[in-house]
């Protein structure tokens, strides 16, 4: 997961204001667990339907979840085109006093290629 953020804060004291900004990014590989199912409705394997649900708990600090469904069409013996929809990728992180939190949700269409040997 590659995440970046920009934060802006403004303080008003004695009729004066002060604004500060900060930005940063982090690349954090997340080990996720969950089922992935692939079904071939035709015996020849030219068409496939794929679904997955994956997640990880941060042990009281938040969680990560992802669910998607795709359809794949074989272009050749090694190449498949995939089209589908990401139902949601949700990342939620809170500290124990709930002073700061991150709540990120992504969803939308996906497309790509799959290669196998």
PDB file of N, CA and C in Angstrom:
ATOM      1  N   UNK A   1       0.841  -1.156   0.000  1.00  0.00           N
ATOM      2  CA  UNK A   1       0.000   0.000   0.000  1.00  0.00           C
ATOM      3  C   UNK A   1       0.896   1.231   0.000  1.00  0.00           C
ATOM      4  N   UNK A   2       0.729   2.091  -0.967  1.00  0.00           N
ATOM      5  CA  UNK A   2       1.475   3.341  -1.060  1.00  0.00           C
ATOM      6  C   UNK A   2       0.517   4.470  -0.719  1.00  0.00           C
ATOM      7  N   UNK A   3       0.732   5.159   0.411  1.00  0.00           N
ATOM      8  CA  UNK A   3      -0.173   6.184   0.904  1.00  0.00           C
ATOM      9  C   UNK A   3       0.573   7.491   1.070  1.00  0.00           C
ATOM     10  N   UNK A   4      -0.052   8.582   0.643  1.00  0.00           N
ATOM     11  CA  UNK A   4       0.511   9.918   0.871  1.00  0.00           C
ATOM     12  C   UNK A   4      -0.589  10.812   1.411  1.00  0.00           C
ATOM     13  N   UNK A   5      -0.187  11.845   2.180  1.00  0.00           N
ATOM     14  CA  UNK A   5      -1.165  12.734   2.802  1.00  0.00           C
ATOM     15  C   UNK A   5      -0.611  14.141   2.881  1.00  0.00           C
ATOM     16  N   UNK A   6      -1.513  15.103   2.826  1.00  0.00           N
ATOM     17  CA  UNK A   6      -1.219  16.517   3.034  1.00  0.00           C
ATOM     18  C   UNK A   6      -2.146  17.016   4.136  1.00  0.00           C
ATOM     19  N   UNK A   7      -1.589  17.616   5.180  1.00  0.00           N
ATOM     20  CA  UNK A   7      -2.368  18.137   6.293  1.00  0.00           C
ATOM     21  C   UNK A   7      -2.159  19.639   6.403  1.00  0.00           C
ATOM     22  N   UNK A   8      -3.235  20.357   6.656  1.00  0.00           N
ATOM     23  CA  UNK A   8      -3.178  21.794   6.859  1.00  0.00           C
ATOM     24  C   UNK A   8      -3.913  22.117   8.141  1.00  0.00           C
ATOM     25  N   UNK A   9      -3.300  22.931   8.996  1.00  0.00           N
ATOM     26  CA  UNK A   9      -3.924  23.326  10.257  1.00  0.00           C
ATOM     27  C   UNK A   9      -3.857  24.829  10.440  1.00  0.00           C
ATOM     28  N   UNK A  10      -4.922  25.405  10.972  1.00  0.00           N
ATOM     29  CA  UNK A  10      -4.993  26.844  11.232  1.00  0.00           C
ATOM     30  C   UNK A  10      -5.356  27.057  12.691  1.00  0.00           C
ATOM     31  N   UNK A  11      -4.649  27.980  13.352  1.00  0.00           N
ATOM     32  CA  UNK A  11      -4.887  28.306  14.759  1.00  0.00           C
ATOM     33  C   UNK A  11      -5.221  29.784  14.856  1.00  0.00           C
ATOM     34  N   UNK A  12      -6.241  30.112  15.648  1.00  0.00           N
ATOM     35  CA  UNK A  12      -6.619  31.500  15.916  1.00  0.00           C
ATOM     36  C   UNK A  12      -6.373  31.790  17.392  1.00  0.00           C
ATOM     37  N   UNK A  13      -5.463  32.735  17.687  1.00  0.00           N
ATOM     38  CA  UNK A  13      -5.159  33.136  19.063  1.00  0.00           C
ATOM     39  C   UNK A  13      -5.047  34.649  19.093  1.00  0.00           C
ATOM     40  N   UNK A  14      -5.795  35.279  19.997  1.00  0.00           N
ATOM     41  CA  UNK A  14      -5.764  36.744  20.181  1.00  0.00           C
ATOM     42  C   UNK A  14      -5.951  37.488  18.859  1.00  0.00           C
ATOM     43  N   UNK A  15      -6.956  37.094  18.098  1.00  0.00           N
ATOM     44  CA  UNK A  15      -7.298  37.714  16.811  1.00  0.00           C
ATOM     45  C   UNK A  15      -6.196  37.607  15.773  1.00  0.00           C
ATOM     46  N   UNK A  16      -5.297  36.660  15.911  1.00  0.00           N
ATOM     47  CA  UNK A  16      -4.261  36.389  14.917  1.00  0.00           C
ATOM     48  C   UNK A  16      -4.405  34.939  14.478  1.00  0.00           C
ATOM     49  N   UNK A  17      -4.095  34.692  13.227  1.00  0.00           N
ATOM     50  CA  UNK A  17      -4.176  33.319  12.728  1.00  0.00           C
ATOM     51  C   UNK A  17      -2.813  32.876  12.212  1.00  0.00           C
ATOM     52  N   UNK A  18      -2.578  31.608  12.344  1.00  0.00           N
ATOM     53  CA  UNK A  18      -1.336  30.999  11.872  1.00  0.00           C
ATOM     54  C   UNK A  18      -1.699  29.682  11.189  1.00  0.00           C
ATOM     55  N   UNK A  19      -1.128  29.458   9.997  1.00  0.00           N
ATOM     56  CA  UNK A  19      -1.417  28.250   9.231  1.00  0.00           C
ATOM     57  C   UNK A  19      -0.125  27.493   8.982  1.00  0.00           C
ATOM     58  N   UNK A  20      -0.171  26.198   9.176  1.00  0.00           N
ATOM     59  CA  UNK A  20       0.962  25.319   8.918  1.00  0.00           C
ATOM     60  C   UNK A  20       0.498  24.159   8.050  1.00  0.00           C
ATOM     61  N   UNK A  21       1.409  23.681   7.211  1.00  0.00           N
ATOM     62  CA  UNK A  21       1.112  22.519   6.372  1.00  0.00           C
ATOM     63  C   UNK A  21       2.221  21.484   6.535  1.00  0.00           C
ATOM     64  N   UNK A  22       1.853  20.246   6.319  1.00  0.00           N
ATOM     65  CA  UNK A  22       2.815  19.144   6.363  1.00  0.00           C
ATOM     66  C   UNK A  22       2.361  18.093   5.357  1.00  0.00           C
ATOM     67  N   UNK A  23       3.325  17.386   4.798  1.00  0.00           N
ATOM     68  CA  UNK A  23       2.996  16.306   3.868  1.00  0.00           C
ATOM     69  C   UNK A  23       3.995  15.175   4.063  1.00  0.00           C
ATOM     70  N   UNK A  24       3.571  13.998   3.644  1.00  0.00           N
ATOM     71  CA  UNK A  24       4.443  12.834   3.757  1.00  0.00           C
ATOM     72  C   UNK A  24       3.842  11.655   3.037  1.00  0.00           C
ATOM     73  N   UNK A  25       4.642  10.613   2.894  1.00  0.00           N
ATOM     74  CA  UNK A  25       4.149   9.390   2.265  1.00  0.00           C
ATOM     75  C   UNK A  25       4.863   8.198   2.891  1.00  0.00           C
ATOM     76  N   UNK A  26       4.224   7.037   2.756  1.00  0.00           N
ATOM     77  CA  UNK A  26       4.805   5.813   3.284  1.00  0.00           C
ATOM     78  C   UNK A  26       4.386   4.648   2.382  1.00  0.00           C
ATOM     79  N   UNK A  27       5.305   3.757   2.143  1.00  0.00           N
ATOM     80  CA  UNK A  27       5.030   2.526   1.410  1.00  0.00           C
ATOM     81  C   UNK A  27       5.087   1.391   2.424  1.00  0.00           C
ATOM     82  N   UNK A  28       3.928   0.788   2.688  1.00  0.00           N
ATOM     83  CA  UNK A  28       3.847  -0.258   3.706  1.00  0.00           C
ATOM     84  C   UNK A  28       3.236  -1.518   3.103  1.00  0.00           C
ATOM     85  N   UNK A  29       4.020  -2.581   2.959  1.00  0.00           N
ATOM     86  CA  UNK A  29       3.423  -3.833   2.486  1.00  0.00           C
ATOM     87  C   UNK A  29       2.531  -4.430   3.578  1.00  0.00           C
ATOM     88  N   UNK A  30       1.319  -4.794   3.211  1.00  0.00           N
ATOM     89  CA  UNK A  30       0.375  -5.349   4.174  1.00  0.00           C
ATOM     90  C   UNK A  30       0.113  -6.818   3.868  1.00  0.00           C
ATOM     91  N   UNK A  31       0.379  -7.703   4.810  1.00  0.00           N
ATOM     92  CA  UNK A  31      -0.007  -9.110   4.608  1.00  0.00           C
ATOM     93  C   UNK A  31      -1.505  -9.253   4.861  1.00  0.00           C
ATOM     94  N   UNK A  32      -2.252  -9.681   3.869  1.00  0.00           N
ATOM     95  CA  UNK A  32      -3.700  -9.819   4.001  1.00  0.00           C
ATOM     96  C   UNK A  32      -4.099 -11.285   3.845  1.00  0.00           C
ATOM     97  N   UNK A  33      -5.202 -11.639   4.449  1.00  0.00           N
ATOM     98  CA  UNK A  33      -5.747 -12.988   4.362  1.00  0.00           C
ATOM     99  C   UNK A  33      -7.180 -12.919   3.869  1.00  0.00           C
ATOM    100  N   UNK A  34      -7.592 -13.953   3.174  1.00  0.00           N
ATOM    101  CA  UNK A  34      -8.976 -14.017   2.745  1.00  0.00           C
ATOM    102  C   UNK A  34      -9.149 -14.949   1.559  1.00  0.00           C
ATOM    103  N   UNK A  35     -10.386 -15.323   1.279  1.00  0.00           N
ATOM    104  CA  UNK A  35     -10.646 -16.252   0.183  1.00  0.00           C
ATOM    105  C   UNK A  35     -10.626 -15.569  -1.184  1.00  0.00           C
ATOM    106  N   UNK A  36     -10.232 -16.343  -2.177  1.00  0.00           N
ATOM    107  CA  UNK A  36     -10.305 -15.922  -3.579  1.00  0.00           C
ATOM    108  C   UNK A  36     -10.873 -17.110  -4.349  1.00  0.00           C
ATOM    109  N   UNK A  37     -11.921 -16.854  -5.114  1.00  0.00           N
ATOM    110  CA  UNK A  37     -12.630 -17.915  -5.819  1.00  0.00           C
ATOM    111  C   UNK A  37     -12.627 -17.602  -7.306  1.00  0.00           C
ATOM    112  N   UNK A  38     -12.318 -18.611  -8.111  1.00  0.00           N
ATOM    113  CA  UNK A  38     -12.362 -18.463  -9.568  1.00  0.00           C
ATOM    114  C   UNK A  38     -13.220 -19.583 -10.137  1.00  0.00           C
ATOM    115  N   UNK A  39     -14.194 -19.216 -10.971  1.00  0.00           N
ATOM    116  CA  UNK A  39     -15.121 -20.169 -11.564  1.00  0.00           C
ATOM    117  C   UNK A  39     -15.038 -20.061 -13.079  1.00  0.00           C
ATOM    118  N   UNK A  40     -14.944 -21.200 -13.752  1.00  0.00           N
ATOM    119  CA  UNK A  40     -14.896 -21.275 -15.208  1.00  0.00           C
ATOM    120  C   UNK A  40     -16.237 -21.828 -15.709  1.00  0.00           C
ATOM    121  N   UNK A  41     -17.148 -20.967 -16.206  1.00  0.00           N
ATOM    122  CA  UNK A  41     -18.459 -21.463 -16.642  1.00  0.00           C
ATOM    123  C   UNK A  41     -18.395 -22.313 -17.916  1.00  0.00           C
ATOM    124  N   UNK A  42     -17.364 -22.161 -18.729  1.00  0.00           N
ATOM    125  CA  UNK A  42     -17.194 -22.974 -19.930  1.00  0.00           C
ATOM    126  C   UNK A  42     -16.087 -23.991 -19.687  1.00  0.00           C
ATOM    127  N   UNK A  43     -16.193 -25.156 -20.268  1.00  0.00           N
ATOM    128  CA  UNK A  43     -15.215 -26.227 -20.042  1.00  0.00           C
ATOM    129  C   UNK A  43     -13.853 -25.917 -20.654  1.00  0.00           C
ATOM    130  N   UNK A  44     -13.789 -25.046 -21.629  1.00  0.00           N
ATOM    131  CA  UNK A  44     -12.526 -24.772 -22.302  1.00  0.00           C
ATOM    132  C   UNK A  44     -11.659 -23.762 -21.564  1.00  0.00           C
ATOM    133  N   UNK A  45     -12.197 -23.056 -20.592  1.00  0.00           N
ATOM    134  CA  UNK A  45     -11.391 -22.117 -19.814  1.00  0.00           C
ATOM    135  C   UNK A  45     -11.198 -20.760 -20.473  1.00  0.00           C
ATOM    136  N   UNK A  46     -11.988 -20.427 -21.483  1.00  0.00           N
ATOM    137  CA  UNK A  46     -11.833 -19.134 -22.154  1.00  0.00           C
ATOM    138  C   UNK A  46     -12.471 -17.991 -21.368  1.00  0.00           C
ATOM    139  N   UNK A  47     -13.384 -18.312 -20.470  1.00  0.00           N
ATOM    140  CA  UNK A  47     -14.080 -17.304 -19.686  1.00  0.00           C
ATOM    141  C   UNK A  47     -13.991 -17.700 -18.217  1.00  0.00           C
ATOM    142  N   UNK A  48     -13.721 -16.718 -17.357  1.00  0.00           N
ATOM    143  CA  UNK A  48     -13.625 -16.992 -15.920  1.00  0.00           C
ATOM    144  C   UNK A  48     -14.243 -15.838 -15.140  1.00  0.00           C
ATOM    145  N   UNK A  49     -14.804 -16.154 -14.000  1.00  0.00           N
ATOM    146  CA  UNK A  49     -15.331 -15.160 -13.070  1.00  0.00           C
ATOM    147  C   UNK A  49     -14.537 -15.320 -11.778  1.00  0.00           C
ATOM    148  N   UNK A  50     -14.028 -14.209 -11.273  1.00  0.00           N
ATOM    149  CA  UNK A  50     -13.126 -14.228 -10.130  1.00  0.00           C
ATOM    150  C   UNK A  50     -13.658 -13.291  -9.049  1.00  0.00           C
ATOM    151  N   UNK A  51     -13.619 -13.712  -7.800  1.00  0.00           N
ATOM    152  CA  UNK A  51     -14.027 -12.870  -6.684  1.00  0.00           C
ATOM    153  C   UNK A  51     -13.067 -13.034  -5.524  1.00  0.00           C
ATOM    154  N   UNK A  52     -12.853 -11.960  -4.780  1.00  0.00           N
ATOM    155  CA  UNK A  52     -11.917 -12.018  -3.657  1.00  0.00           C
ATOM    156  C   UNK A  52     -12.378 -11.085  -2.539  1.00  0.00           C
ATOM    157  N   UNK A  53     -12.135 -11.518  -1.324  1.00  0.00           N
ATOM    158  CA  UNK A  53     -12.314 -10.690  -0.140  1.00  0.00           C
ATOM    159  C   UNK A  53     -11.084 -10.893   0.727  1.00  0.00           C
ATOM    160  N   UNK A  54     -10.392  -9.809   1.027  1.00  0.00           N
ATOM    161  CA  UNK A  54      -9.162  -9.897   1.809  1.00  0.00           C
ATOM    162  C   UNK A  54      -9.179  -8.854   2.901  1.00  0.00           C
ATOM    163  N   UNK A  55      -8.478  -9.132   3.977  1.00  0.00           N
ATOM    164  CA  UNK A  55      -8.450  -8.177   5.067  1.00  0.00           C
ATOM    165  C   UNK A  55      -7.340  -8.447   6.054  1.00  0.00           C
ATOM    166  N   UNK A  56      -7.150  -7.473   6.941  1.00  0.00           N
ATOM    167  CA  UNK A  56      -6.141  -7.567   7.993  1.00  0.00           C
ATOM    168  C   UNK A  56      -6.575  -6.669   9.148  1.00  0.00           C
ATOM    169  N   UNK A  57      -6.401  -7.140  10.363  1.00  0.00           N
ATOM    170  CA  UNK A  57      -6.700  -6.347  11.550  1.00  0.00           C
ATOM    171  C   UNK A  57      -5.403  -5.764  12.100  1.00  0.00           C
ATOM    172  N   UNK A  58      -5.475  -4.537  12.573  1.00  0.00           N
ATOM    173  CA  UNK A  58      -4.322  -3.904  13.220  1.00  0.00           C
ATOM    174  C   UNK A  58      -4.432  -3.997  14.735  1.00  0.00           C
ATOM    175  N   UNK A  59      -5.126  -5.036  15.248  1.00  0.00           N
ATOM    176  CA  UNK A  59      -5.192  -5.381  16.667  1.00  0.00           C
ATOM    177  C   UNK A  59      -5.653  -4.209  17.535  1.00  0.00           C
ATOM    178  N   UNK A  60      -6.845  -3.713  17.278  1.00  0.00           N
ATOM    179  CA  UNK A  60      -7.427  -2.641  18.073  1.00  0.00           C
ATOM    180  C   UNK A  60      -7.168  -1.244  17.538  1.00  0.00           C
ATOM    181  N   UNK A  61      -6.253  -1.096  16.604  1.00  0.00           N
ATOM    182  CA  UNK A  61      -5.951   0.226  16.051  1.00  0.00           C
ATOM    183  C   UNK A  61      -6.665   0.489  14.733  1.00  0.00           C
ATOM    184  N   UNK A  62      -7.258  -0.502  14.133  1.00  0.00           N
ATOM    185  CA  UNK A  62      -7.950  -0.317  12.865  1.00  0.00           C
ATOM    186  C   UNK A  62      -7.943  -1.594  12.053  1.00  0.00           C
ATOM    187  N   UNK A  63      -8.239  -1.460  10.762  1.00  0.00           N
ATOM    188  CA  UNK A  63      -8.313  -2.627   9.897  1.00  0.00           C
ATOM    189  C   UNK A  63      -8.141  -2.210   8.438  1.00  0.00           C
ATOM    190  N   UNK A  64      -7.908  -3.213   7.583  1.00  0.00           N
ATOM    191  CA  UNK A  64      -7.868  -3.043   6.132  1.00  0.00           C
ATOM    192  C   UNK A  64      -8.742  -4.117   5.524  1.00  0.00           C
ATOM    193  N   UNK A  65      -9.645  -3.738   4.586  1.00  0.00           N
ATOM    194  CA  UNK A  65     -10.510  -4.695   3.906  1.00  0.00           C
ATOM    195  C   UNK A  65     -10.558  -4.368   2.419  1.00  0.00           C
ATOM    196  N   UNK A  66     -10.696  -5.397   1.613  1.00  0.00           N
ATOM    197  CA  UNK A  66     -10.802  -5.219   0.169  1.00  0.00           C
ATOM    198  C   UNK A  66     -11.712  -6.303  -0.399  1.00  0.00           C
ATOM    199  N   UNK A  67     -12.616  -5.919  -1.301  1.00  0.00           N
ATOM    200  CA  UNK A  67     -13.497  -6.877  -1.967  1.00  0.00           C
ATOM    201  C   UNK A  67     -13.599  -6.480  -3.436  1.00  0.00           C
ATOM    202  N   UNK A  68     -13.504  -7.483  -4.319  1.00  0.00           N
ATOM    203  CA  UNK A  68     -13.590  -7.182  -5.747  1.00  0.00           C
ATOM    204  C   UNK A  68     -14.150  -8.368  -6.504  1.00  0.00           C
ATOM    205  N   UNK A  69     -14.704  -8.074  -7.661  1.00  0.00           N
ATOM    206  CA  UNK A  69     -15.207  -9.098  -8.557  1.00  0.00           C
ATOM    207  C   UNK A  69     -14.761  -8.781  -9.975  1.00  0.00           C
ATOM    208  N   UNK A  70     -14.270  -9.763 -10.702  1.00  0.00           N
ATOM    209  CA  UNK A  70     -13.788  -9.542 -12.066  1.00  0.00           C
ATOM    210  C   UNK A  70     -14.246 -10.677 -12.979  1.00  0.00           C
ATOM    211  N   UNK A  71     -14.326 -10.347 -14.251  1.00  0.00           N
ATOM    212  CA  UNK A  71     -14.547 -11.336 -15.291  1.00  0.00           C
ATOM    213  C   UNK A  71     -13.318 -11.354 -16.186  1.00  0.00           C
ATOM    214  N   UNK A  72     -12.877 -12.533 -16.601  1.00  0.00           N
ATOM    215  CA  UNK A  72     -11.661 -12.646 -17.408  1.00  0.00           C
ATOM    216  C   UNK A  72     -11.955 -13.394 -18.701  1.00  0.00           C
ATOM    217  N   UNK A  73     -11.348 -12.910 -19.774  1.00  0.00           N
ATOM    218  CA  UNK A  73     -11.477 -13.529 -21.088  1.00  0.00           C
ATOM    219  C   UNK A  73     -10.080 -13.893 -21.566  1.00  0.00           C
ATOM    220  N   UNK A  74      -9.885 -15.139 -21.992  1.00  0.00           N
ATOM    221  CA  UNK A  74      -8.576 -15.595 -22.473  1.00  0.00           C
ATOM    222  C   UNK A  74      -8.327 -15.016 -23.868  1.00  0.00           C
ATOM    223  N   UNK A  75      -7.206 -14.318 -24.011  1.00  0.00           N
ATOM    224  CA  UNK A  75      -6.801 -13.783 -25.307  1.00  0.00           C
ATOM    225  C   UNK A  75      -5.906 -14.773 -26.047  1.00  0.00           C
ATOM    226  N   UNK A  76      -5.114 -15.512 -25.301  1.00  0.00           N
ATOM    227  CA  UNK A  76      -4.258 -16.562 -25.847  1.00  0.00           C
ATOM    228  C   UNK A  76      -4.020 -17.576 -24.728  1.00  0.00           C
ATOM    229  N   UNK A  77      -3.092 -18.481 -24.937  1.00  0.00           N
ATOM    230  CA  UNK A  77      -2.815 -19.500 -23.919  1.00  0.00           C
ATOM    231  C   UNK A  77      -2.260 -18.904 -22.619  1.00  0.00           C
ATOM    232  N   UNK A  78      -1.504 -17.811 -22.724  1.00  0.00           N
ATOM    233  CA  UNK A  78      -0.843 -17.224 -21.560  1.00  0.00           C
ATOM    234  C   UNK A  78      -1.444 -15.897 -21.103  1.00  0.00           C
ATOM    235  N   UNK A  79      -2.231 -15.232 -21.914  1.00  0.00           N
ATOM    236  CA  UNK A  79      -2.729 -13.891 -21.608  1.00  0.00           C
ATOM    237  C   UNK A  79      -4.237 -13.905 -21.382  1.00  0.00           C
ATOM    238  N   UNK A  80      -4.682 -13.173 -20.342  1.00  0.00           N
ATOM    239  CA  UNK A  80      -6.097 -12.970 -20.069  1.00  0.00           C
ATOM    240  C   UNK A  80      -6.350 -11.483 -19.849  1.00  0.00           C
ATOM    241  N   UNK A  81      -7.452 -10.979 -20.368  1.00  0.00           N
ATOM    242  CA  UNK A  81      -7.903  -9.614 -20.080  1.00  0.00           C
ATOM    243  C   UNK A  81      -8.932  -9.692 -18.964  1.00  0.00           C
ATOM    244  N   UNK A  82      -8.842  -8.792 -18.009  1.00  0.00           N
ATOM    245  CA  UNK A  82      -9.782  -8.812 -16.884  1.00  0.00           C
ATOM    246  C   UNK A  82     -10.477  -7.461 -16.759  1.00  0.00           C
ATOM    247  N   UNK A  83     -11.761  -7.520 -16.452  1.00  0.00           N
ATOM    248  CA  UNK A  83     -12.583  -6.336 -16.254  1.00  0.00           C
ATOM    249  C   UNK A  83     -13.465  -6.599 -15.047  1.00  0.00           C
ATOM    250  N   UNK A  84     -13.619  -5.593 -14.197  1.00  0.00           N
ATOM    251  CA  UNK A  84     -14.433  -5.832 -13.013  1.00  0.00           C
ATOM    252  C   UNK A  84     -14.688  -4.577 -12.230  1.00  0.00           C
ATOM    253  N   UNK A  85     -14.995  -4.782 -10.966  1.00  0.00           N
ATOM    254  CA  UNK A  85     -15.347  -3.674 -10.083  1.00  0.00           C
ATOM    255  C   UNK A  85     -14.772  -3.935  -8.697  1.00  0.00           C
ATOM    256  N   UNK A  86     -14.111  -2.928  -8.168  1.00  0.00           N
ATOM    257  CA  UNK A  86     -13.590  -2.966  -6.797  1.00  0.00           C
ATOM    258  C   UNK A  86     -14.699  -2.428  -5.909  1.00  0.00           C
ATOM    259  N   UNK A  87     -15.318  -3.317  -5.130  1.00  0.00           N
ATOM    260  CA  UNK A  87     -16.442  -2.896  -4.309  1.00  0.00           C
ATOM    261  C   UNK A  87     -16.015  -1.987  -3.162  1.00  0.00           C
ATOM    262  N   UNK A  88     -14.797  -2.106  -2.736  1.00  0.00           N
ATOM    263  CA  UNK A  88     -14.340  -1.217  -1.678  1.00  0.00           C
ATOM    264  C   UNK A  88     -13.012  -1.638  -1.125  1.00  0.00           C
ATOM    265  N   UNK A  89     -12.133  -0.678  -0.954  1.00  0.00           N
ATOM    266  CA  UNK A  89     -10.913  -0.862  -0.206  1.00  0.00           C
ATOM    267  C   UNK A  89     -11.014   0.102   0.958  1.00  0.00           C
ATOM    268  N   UNK A  90     -11.023  -0.417   2.150  1.00  0.00           N
ATOM    269  CA  UNK A  90     -11.211   0.452   3.304  1.00  0.00           C
ATOM    270  C   UNK A  90     -10.041   0.295   4.256  1.00  0.00           C
ATOM    271  N   UNK A  91      -9.440   1.418   4.603  1.00  0.00           N
ATOM    272  CA  UNK A  91      -8.364   1.466   5.591  1.00  0.00           C
ATOM    273  C   UNK A  91      -8.826   2.377   6.709  1.00  0.00           C
ATOM    274  N   UNK A  92      -8.835   1.873   7.925  1.00  0.00           N
ATOM    275  CA  UNK A  92      -9.235   2.677   9.071  1.00  0.00           C
ATOM    276  C   UNK A  92      -8.209   2.503  10.166  1.00  0.00           C
ATOM    277  N   UNK A  93      -7.640   3.616  10.628  1.00  0.00           N
ATOM    278  CA  UNK A  93      -6.635   3.586  11.686  1.00  0.00           C
ATOM    279  C   UNK A  93      -7.005   4.630  12.733  1.00  0.00           C
ATOM    280  N   UNK A  94      -7.041   4.243  13.999  1.00  0.00           N
ATOM    281  CA  UNK A  94      -7.278   5.148  15.125  1.00  0.00           C
ATOM    282  C   UNK A  94      -6.277   4.831  16.218  1.00  0.00           C
ATOM    283  N   UNK A  95      -5.872   5.858  16.969  1.00  0.00           N
ATOM    284  CA  UNK A  95      -5.070   5.561  18.145  1.00  0.00           C
ATOM    285  C   UNK A  95      -6.016   5.288  19.314  1.00  0.00           C
ATOM    286  N   UNK A  96      -5.478   4.930  20.470  1.00  0.00           N
ATOM    287  CA  UNK A  96      -6.330   4.501  21.579  1.00  0.00           C
ATOM    288  C   UNK A  96      -7.164   5.633  22.173  1.00  0.00           C
ATOM    289  N   UNK A  97      -6.794   6.886  21.967  1.00  0.00           N
ATOM    290  CA  UNK A  97      -7.563   8.012  22.480  1.00  0.00           C
ATOM    291  C   UNK A  97      -8.389   8.681  21.380  1.00  0.00           C
ATOM    292  N   UNK A  98      -8.360   8.125  20.155  1.00  0.00           N
ATOM    293  CA  UNK A  98      -9.120   8.627  19.020  1.00  0.00           C
ATOM    294  C   UNK A  98      -8.786  10.098  18.710  1.00  0.00           C
ATOM    295  N   UNK A  99      -7.519  10.471  18.878  1.00  0.00           N
ATOM    296  CA  UNK A  99      -7.095  11.836  18.581  1.00  0.00           C
ATOM    297  C   UNK A  99      -6.878  12.042  17.098  1.00  0.00           C
ATOM    298  N   UNK A 100      -6.418  11.027  16.418  1.00  0.00           N
ATOM    299  CA  UNK A 100      -6.188  11.148  14.985  1.00  0.00           C
ATOM    300  C   UNK A 100      -6.639   9.843  14.332  1.00  0.00           C
ATOM    301  N   UNK A 101      -7.195   9.957  13.178  1.00  0.00           N
ATOM    302  CA  UNK A 101      -7.661   8.760  12.497  1.00  0.00           C
ATOM    303  C   UNK A 101      -7.579   8.916  10.996  1.00  0.00           C
ATOM    304  N   UNK A 102      -7.475   7.814  10.335  1.00  0.00           N
ATOM    305  CA  UNK A 102      -7.461   7.767   8.876  1.00  0.00           C
ATOM    306  C   UNK A 102      -8.605   6.855   8.456  1.00  0.00           C
ATOM    307  N   UNK A 103      -9.433   7.336   7.565  1.00  0.00           N
ATOM    308  CA  UNK A 103     -10.542   6.532   7.055  1.00  0.00           C
ATOM    309  C   UNK A 103     -10.567   6.743   5.543  1.00  0.00           C
ATOM    310  N   UNK A 104     -10.073   5.773   4.801  1.00  0.00           N
ATOM    311  CA  UNK A 104      -9.934   5.880   3.354  1.00  0.00           C
ATOM    312  C   UNK A 104     -10.763   4.786   2.702  1.00  0.00           C
ATOM    313  N   UNK A 105     -11.644   5.161   1.779  1.00  0.00           N
ATOM    314  CA  UNK A 105     -12.450   4.188   1.043  1.00  0.00           C
ATOM    315  C   UNK A 105     -12.302   4.460  -0.445  1.00  0.00           C
ATOM    316  N   UNK A 106     -11.994   3.415  -1.202  1.00  0.00           N
ATOM    317  CA  UNK A 106     -11.869   3.517  -2.651  1.00  0.00           C
ATOM    318  C   UNK A 106     -12.791   2.495  -3.287  1.00  0.00           C
ATOM    319  N   UNK A 107     -13.406   2.865  -4.414  1.00  0.00           N
ATOM    320  CA  UNK A 107     -14.234   1.920  -5.156  1.00  0.00           C
ATOM    321  C   UNK A 107     -14.315   2.385  -6.600  1.00  0.00           C
ATOM    322  N   UNK A 108     -14.571   1.452  -7.507  1.00  0.00           N
ATOM    323  CA  UNK A 108     -14.705   1.801  -8.899  1.00  0.00           C
ATOM    324  C   UNK A 108     -14.315   0.678  -9.826  1.00  0.00           C
ATOM    325  N   UNK A 109     -14.406   0.923 -11.127  1.00  0.00           N
ATOM    326  CA  UNK A 109     -14.084  -0.111 -12.113  1.00  0.00           C
ATOM    327  C   UNK A 109     -12.576  -0.377 -12.171  1.00  0.00           C
ATOM    328  N   UNK A 110     -12.232  -1.617 -12.511  1.00  0.00           N
ATOM    329  CA  UNK A 110     -10.835  -2.015 -12.684  1.00  0.00           C
ATOM    330  C   UNK A 110     -10.681  -2.770 -13.997  1.00  0.00           C
ATOM    331  N   UNK A 111      -9.504  -2.693 -14.564  1.00  0.00           N
ATOM    332  CA  UNK A 111      -9.189  -3.417 -15.809  1.00  0.00           C
ATOM    333  C   UNK A 111      -7.715  -3.779 -15.783  1.00  0.00           C
ATOM    334  N   UNK A 112      -7.359  -4.877 -16.441  1.00  0.00           N
ATOM    335  CA  UNK A 112      -5.962  -5.261 -16.460  1.00  0.00           C
ATOM    336  C   UNK A 112      -5.736  -6.531 -17.280  1.00  0.00           C
ATOM    337  N   UNK A 113      -4.505  -7.008 -17.221  1.00  0.00           N
ATOM    338  CA  UNK A 113      -4.105  -8.224 -17.913  1.00  0.00           C
ATOM    339  C   UNK A 113      -3.493  -9.190 -16.913  1.00  0.00           C
ATOM    340  N   UNK A 114      -3.661 -10.472 -17.173  1.00  0.00           N
ATOM    341  CA  UNK A 114      -3.062 -11.518 -16.352  1.00  0.00           C
ATOM    342  C   UNK A 114      -2.215 -12.387 -17.258  1.00  0.00           C
ATOM    343  N   UNK A 115      -0.990 -12.687 -16.808  1.00  0.00           N
ATOM    344  CA  UNK A 115      -0.063 -13.505 -17.581  1.00  0.00           C
ATOM    345  C   UNK A 115       0.286 -14.737 -16.761  1.00  0.00           C
ATOM    346  N   UNK A 116       0.262 -15.905 -17.379  1.00  0.00           N
ATOM    347  CA  UNK A 116       0.657 -17.135 -16.681  1.00  0.00           C
ATOM    348  C   UNK A 116       1.544 -17.968 -17.597  1.00  0.00           C
ATOM    349  N   UNK A 117       2.443 -18.727 -16.988  1.00  0.00           N
ATOM    350  CA  UNK A 117       3.339 -19.611 -17.746  1.00  0.00           C
ATOM    351  C   UNK A 117       3.206 -21.008 -17.270  1.00  0.00           C
TER     352      UNK A 117
END
